[in-house]
Protein backbone atom coordinates (compact mmCIF):
# COMPACT_ATOMS: atom_id res chain seq x y z
CA MET A 1 -12.24 29.22 26.61
CA ARG A 2 -10.17 32.20 27.48
CA ILE A 3 -6.06 32.28 27.91
CA ASP A 4 -6.84 32.54 31.65
CA ASP A 5 -8.60 29.24 31.64
CA VAL A 6 -5.77 27.37 31.09
CA ASP A 7 -3.06 26.19 33.46
CA TRP A 8 -0.10 27.31 31.34
CA GLU A 9 2.37 26.28 34.09
CA SER A 10 1.49 22.75 33.72
CA TRP A 11 0.43 22.93 29.96
CA GLU A 12 2.37 20.61 27.78
CA PRO A 13 2.55 20.40 23.79
CA GLU A 14 1.22 16.99 22.36
CA GLN A 15 3.33 18.02 19.08
CA VAL A 16 6.26 20.24 18.51
CA ALA A 17 6.81 22.12 14.93
CA THR A 18 8.65 24.96 13.48
CA LEU A 19 8.11 27.89 10.98
CA LEU A 20 11.02 29.66 9.31
CA PHE A 21 10.88 33.11 7.64
CA VAL A 22 13.60 34.08 5.15
CA VAL A 23 13.93 37.77 5.47
CA LYS A 24 15.96 39.90 2.71
CA ASP A 25 15.86 43.47 2.86
CA THR A 26 12.15 44.44 2.39
CA GLU A 27 11.09 40.92 1.43
CA VAL A 28 9.85 37.75 3.14
CA LEU A 29 9.79 34.35 1.64
CA LEU A 30 6.66 32.66 2.46
CA ILE A 31 4.39 29.68 0.97
CA HIS A 32 1.35 28.68 -0.18
CA LYS A 33 0.96 25.63 1.52
CA LYS A 34 -0.72 22.82 -0.49
CA ARG A 35 -1.12 19.67 1.72
CA GLY A 36 -1.36 18.81 5.37
CA LEU A 37 -2.25 21.40 8.20
CA GLY A 38 -2.99 24.74 7.00
CA ALA A 39 -3.44 23.46 3.51
CA GLY A 40 -4.72 26.61 1.20
CA LYS A 41 -2.98 29.19 3.69
CA ILE A 42 0.00 31.59 3.05
CA ASN A 43 2.70 30.68 5.96
CA GLY A 44 6.10 30.15 6.46
CA PRO A 45 7.81 26.82 5.70
CA GLY A 46 8.10 24.53 8.49
CA GLY A 47 6.49 21.21 10.12
CA LYS A 48 6.61 18.67 12.82
CA LEU A 49 10.12 17.82 15.03
CA GLU A 50 11.37 14.37 14.23
CA ARG A 51 13.10 12.14 16.76
CA GLY A 52 16.63 13.50 17.99
CA GLU A 53 16.35 16.52 15.88
CA THR A 54 16.41 20.18 17.55
CA PRO A 55 13.93 22.81 16.37
CA LYS A 56 16.56 24.51 14.52
CA GLN A 57 17.39 21.51 12.71
CA CYS A 58 13.75 20.93 12.07
CA ALA A 59 13.19 24.44 10.74
CA ILE A 60 16.18 24.18 8.39
CA ARG A 61 15.25 20.27 7.16
CA GLU A 62 11.64 21.38 6.59
CA THR A 63 12.36 24.60 4.33
CA THR A 64 14.73 22.53 2.40
CA GLU A 65 12.14 19.78 1.74
CA GLU A 66 9.50 22.48 1.03
CA LEU A 67 11.40 24.83 -0.98
CA CYS A 68 14.53 23.13 -2.28
CA ILE A 69 16.95 25.69 -0.30
CA THR A 70 19.12 25.85 2.36
CA PRO A 71 18.58 28.54 4.88
CA ILE A 72 21.66 30.46 6.57
CA TYR A 73 22.36 32.66 9.28
CA VAL A 74 19.31 31.06 11.19
CA ARG A 75 18.39 32.64 14.51
CA ALA A 76 15.55 31.93 17.00
CA ALA A 77 12.82 34.52 17.13
CA GLY A 78 9.81 33.20 19.23
CA LEU A 79 8.03 30.63 20.84
CA LEU A 80 4.23 30.03 20.33
CA LEU A 81 1.83 27.85 22.32
CA PHE A 82 -1.29 26.82 20.67
CA HIS A 83 -4.18 25.33 23.00
CA SER A 84 -7.16 23.54 21.47
CA GLU A 85 -9.82 21.02 22.84
CA ASP A 86 -10.20 19.92 19.00
CA THR A 87 -6.67 19.23 17.80
CA PRO A 88 -3.62 18.60 19.40
CA ARG A 89 -1.85 21.15 21.85
CA LEU A 90 1.08 22.46 19.56
CA GLN A 91 4.42 24.47 20.51
CA GLY A 92 5.75 26.48 17.60
CA CYS A 93 9.38 27.25 17.56
CA VAL A 94 9.73 30.32 14.98
CA PHE A 95 13.17 31.01 13.31
CA VAL A 96 14.42 33.70 11.13
CA ALA A 97 17.11 33.49 8.37
CA SER A 98 18.82 36.09 6.64
CA ASP A 99 19.88 34.14 3.66
CA TYR A 100 19.71 30.89 1.83
CA ILE A 101 21.67 28.63 -0.74
CA GLY A 102 19.87 27.63 -3.82
CA THR A 103 16.74 28.74 -5.69
CA PRO A 104 13.23 28.50 -4.40
CA GLN A 105 11.19 25.96 -6.23
CA GLU A 106 7.76 24.60 -5.78
CA THR A 107 7.58 21.12 -4.49
CA ALA A 108 4.45 18.83 -3.70
CA GLU A 109 4.01 20.66 -0.32
CA ALA A 110 4.57 24.26 -1.00
CA LYS A 111 4.83 26.96 -3.72
CA PRO A 112 7.35 29.75 -2.84
CA ILE A 113 5.97 33.20 -3.00
CA TRP A 114 7.88 36.76 -1.91
CA PHE A 115 6.12 39.23 -0.16
CA ASN A 116 7.07 43.05 0.56
CA LYS A 117 7.06 42.78 4.52
CA GLU A 118 4.33 45.54 4.23
CA ASP A 119 2.21 43.57 1.94
CA VAL A 120 1.84 40.09 3.80
CA PRO A 121 -1.51 38.88 3.01
CA TYR A 122 -2.52 38.17 6.76
CA ASP A 123 -6.11 37.75 5.54
CA GLN A 124 -5.05 34.25 3.63
CA MET A 125 -2.87 33.04 7.00
CA TRP A 126 -3.65 31.86 10.33
CA GLU A 127 -5.71 34.32 12.32
CA ASP A 128 -2.95 34.37 14.87
CA ASP A 129 0.04 35.28 12.50
CA ARG A 130 -1.19 38.99 12.31
CA TYR A 131 -0.72 39.24 16.04
CA TRP A 132 3.05 38.29 16.13
CA LEU A 133 4.46 38.06 12.62
CA PRO A 134 4.91 41.61 11.95
CA ALA A 135 7.20 41.79 15.09
CA VAL A 136 9.25 39.14 13.94
CA LEU A 137 9.53 40.65 10.60
CA SER A 138 10.96 43.85 12.03
CA GLY A 139 13.85 41.81 13.82
CA LYS A 140 11.90 41.60 17.30
CA GLY A 141 11.30 38.35 19.31
CA VAL A 142 8.02 36.91 20.27
CA GLU A 143 6.41 34.46 22.70
CA GLY A 144 2.73 33.88 22.48
CA ARG A 145 -0.29 32.01 23.69
CA PHE A 146 -3.38 31.19 21.61
CA ILE A 147 -6.76 29.42 22.11
CA PHE A 148 -8.18 27.87 18.95
CA ILE A 149 -11.28 26.13 18.45
CA GLN A 150 -11.98 24.41 15.18
CA GLU A 151 -9.17 26.38 13.58
CA ASN A 152 -10.94 29.67 14.91
CA LEU A 153 -8.94 31.85 17.30
CA ILE A 154 -10.80 32.48 20.29
CA ASP A 155 -8.51 34.54 22.78
CA TYR A 156 -4.56 35.21 22.73
CA GLU A 157 -1.79 36.96 24.41
CA VAL A 158 1.62 38.10 22.79
CA SER A 159 4.80 39.42 24.27
CA ILE A 160 7.26 41.17 22.16
CA TYR A 161 10.97 41.82 23.12
CA SER A 162 14.34 42.97 21.53
CA LEU A 163 16.48 40.21 20.36
């Protein structure tokens, strides 16, 4: 299956989720995910949208739950669509925060890890991250479409734009 095989005009997500990246100077706060989708991988904190919640509210709530911090100066940075035949279709809303209140702490869900933006461990992350996250970390916005089968990236397209 390729990107062009999907009717993106009528495509609807089965789940909406968020990712939030705290970026301070030359560093980004990531997590080692301990349970749930992506357990064992490095990623940004985030999770599924709850009823009545905006994506931005979800991103802040999930970051607070996973790292015991409240991100501030949060802005939207992208929209990612994930199509799969063997898992729910997912819309991912990407956010960046330039600061936070509190001290990042390990929780049952995640262990916080700071990385230099130049040293992000893409080989320990979802395959798609290497194609869009560098743009987000450099202050750009992204839109992406990805095809996965059994957690393997099959095809993708990414557009990068100025914010």
